[in-house]
Amino acid sequence: MNKDEFEKYYESSEANEDSKSDTRVILFLVTVVVVAMTYWVAVQ
């Protein structure tokens, strides 16, 4: 992939929206894992 293709993809608003929603999903999953691990450690 050359630089022009890279910029064209990442500067489109749709690509930015996709990456924002991906970030939210990842943050949500990390939060769930942290809460689950905290609970699991607490009940041991």
N, C-alpha and C. Protein backbone atom coordinates (compact mmCIF):
# COMPACT_ATOMS: atom_id res chain seq x y z
N MET A 1 0.86 -1.19 0.00
CA MET A 1 0.00 0.00 0.00
C MET A 1 0.89 1.24 0.00
N ASN A 2 0.68 2.14 -0.93
CA ASN A 2 1.51 3.35 -0.95
C ASN A 2 0.89 4.45 -0.10
N LYS A 3 1.64 5.53 0.06
CA LYS A 3 1.22 6.61 0.97
C LYS A 3 -0.11 7.25 0.55
N ASP A 4 -0.32 7.42 -0.76
CA ASP A 4 -1.56 8.04 -1.21
C ASP A 4 -2.78 7.20 -0.84
N GLU A 5 -2.68 5.89 -1.03
CA GLU A 5 -3.79 5.01 -0.66
C GLU A 5 -4.03 5.05 0.84
N PHE A 6 -2.95 5.06 1.60
CA PHE A 6 -3.04 5.12 3.06
C PHE A 6 -3.79 6.38 3.51
N GLU A 7 -3.39 7.53 2.96
CA GLU A 7 -4.04 8.79 3.33
C GLU A 7 -5.49 8.83 2.87
N LYS A 8 -5.74 8.35 1.67
CA LYS A 8 -7.11 8.35 1.14
C LYS A 8 -8.03 7.54 2.06
N TYR A 9 -7.54 6.39 2.52
CA TYR A 9 -8.36 5.56 3.40
C TYR A 9 -8.56 6.21 4.76
N TYR A 10 -7.47 6.65 5.39
CA TYR A 10 -7.57 7.14 6.76
C TYR A 10 -8.16 8.54 6.88
N GLU A 11 -8.17 9.30 5.78
CA GLU A 11 -8.75 10.63 5.87
C GLU A 11 -10.23 10.67 5.49
N SER A 12 -10.78 9.54 5.09
CA SER A 12 -12.21 9.54 4.79
C SER A 12 -13.01 9.53 6.10
N SER A 13 -14.14 10.21 6.11
CA SER A 13 -14.93 10.29 7.35
C SER A 13 -15.45 8.92 7.75
N GLU A 14 -15.77 8.10 6.78
CA GLU A 14 -16.28 6.76 7.10
C GLU A 14 -15.23 5.93 7.83
N ALA A 15 -13.99 5.99 7.38
CA ALA A 15 -12.91 5.27 8.06
C ALA A 15 -12.73 5.79 9.48
N ASN A 16 -12.83 7.09 9.66
CA ASN A 16 -12.71 7.66 11.00
C ASN A 16 -13.84 7.19 11.91
N GLU A 17 -15.06 7.16 11.39
CA GLU A 17 -16.19 6.66 12.19
C GLU A 17 -15.97 5.19 12.57
N ASP A 18 -15.51 4.38 11.61
CA ASP A 18 -15.26 2.97 11.91
C ASP A 18 -14.22 2.81 13.02
N SER A 19 -13.15 3.58 12.95
CA SER A 19 -12.11 3.44 13.97
C SER A 19 -12.61 3.94 15.33
N LYS A 20 -13.46 4.96 15.34
CA LYS A 20 -14.04 5.41 16.62
C LYS A 20 -14.92 4.33 17.23
N SER A 21 -15.76 3.70 16.43
CA SER A 21 -16.62 2.67 16.99
C SER A 21 -15.80 1.45 17.42
N ASP A 22 -14.75 1.13 16.66
CA ASP A 22 -13.86 0.04 17.08
C ASP A 22 -13.22 0.35 18.42
N THR A 23 -12.79 1.59 18.60
CA THR A 23 -12.17 2.00 19.86
C THR A 23 -13.15 1.85 21.01
N ARG A 24 -14.41 2.25 20.79
CA ARG A 24 -15.42 2.11 21.84
C ARG A 24 -15.63 0.65 22.20
N VAL A 25 -15.70 -0.21 21.21
CA VAL A 25 -15.88 -1.65 21.46
C VAL A 25 -14.70 -2.20 22.26
N ILE A 26 -13.49 -1.83 21.86
CA ILE A 26 -12.30 -2.32 22.57
C ILE A 26 -12.29 -1.82 24.02
N LEU A 27 -12.58 -0.54 24.23
CA LEU A 27 -12.63 0.00 25.59
C LEU A 27 -13.69 -0.71 26.43
N PHE A 28 -14.85 -0.98 25.83
CA PHE A 28 -15.91 -1.69 26.53
C PHE A 28 -15.45 -3.09 26.94
N LEU A 29 -14.82 -3.81 26.01
CA LEU A 29 -14.34 -5.16 26.32
C LEU A 29 -13.27 -5.14 27.40
N VAL A 30 -12.34 -4.18 27.32
CA VAL A 30 -11.30 -4.07 28.35
C VAL A 30 -11.94 -3.81 29.72
N THR A 31 -12.93 -2.92 29.76
CA THR A 31 -13.63 -2.61 31.01
C THR A 31 -14.31 -3.85 31.57
N VAL A 32 -14.99 -4.60 30.72
CA VAL A 32 -15.66 -5.83 31.16
C VAL A 32 -14.65 -6.82 31.72
N VAL A 33 -13.52 -6.99 31.04
CA VAL A 33 -12.49 -7.92 31.50
C VAL A 33 -11.93 -7.48 32.86
N VAL A 34 -11.65 -6.19 33.01
CA VAL A 34 -11.11 -5.69 34.28
C VAL A 34 -12.11 -5.92 35.41
N VAL A 35 -13.38 -5.60 35.17
CA VAL A 35 -14.41 -5.81 36.18
C VAL A 35 -14.53 -7.30 36.53
N ALA A 36 -14.53 -8.14 35.51
CA ALA A 36 -14.64 -9.59 35.73
C ALA A 36 -13.45 -10.11 36.53
N MET A 37 -12.24 -9.67 36.20
CA MET A 37 -11.05 -10.12 36.92
C MET A 37 -11.07 -9.63 38.37
N THR A 38 -11.48 -8.37 38.56
CA THR A 38 -11.58 -7.82 39.91
C THR A 38 -12.57 -8.63 40.75
N TYR A 39 -13.71 -8.93 40.19
CA TYR A 39 -14.72 -9.74 40.88
C TYR A 39 -14.17 -11.14 41.17
N TRP A 40 -13.52 -11.76 40.19
CA TRP A 40 -12.99 -13.11 40.35
C TRP A 40 -11.95 -13.15 41.48
N VAL A 41 -11.07 -12.14 41.51
CA VAL A 41 -10.06 -12.08 42.58
C VAL A 41 -10.74 -11.84 43.94
N ALA A 42 -11.77 -11.01 43.97
CA ALA A 42 -12.44 -10.69 45.23
C ALA A 42 -13.14 -11.90 45.84
N VAL A 43 -13.67 -12.78 45.03
CA VAL A 43 -14.40 -13.94 45.57
C VAL A 43 -13.49 -15.13 45.89
N GLN A 44 -12.21 -15.02 45.58
CA GLN A 44 -11.28 -16.13 45.91
C GLN A 44 -11.01 -16.16 47.40
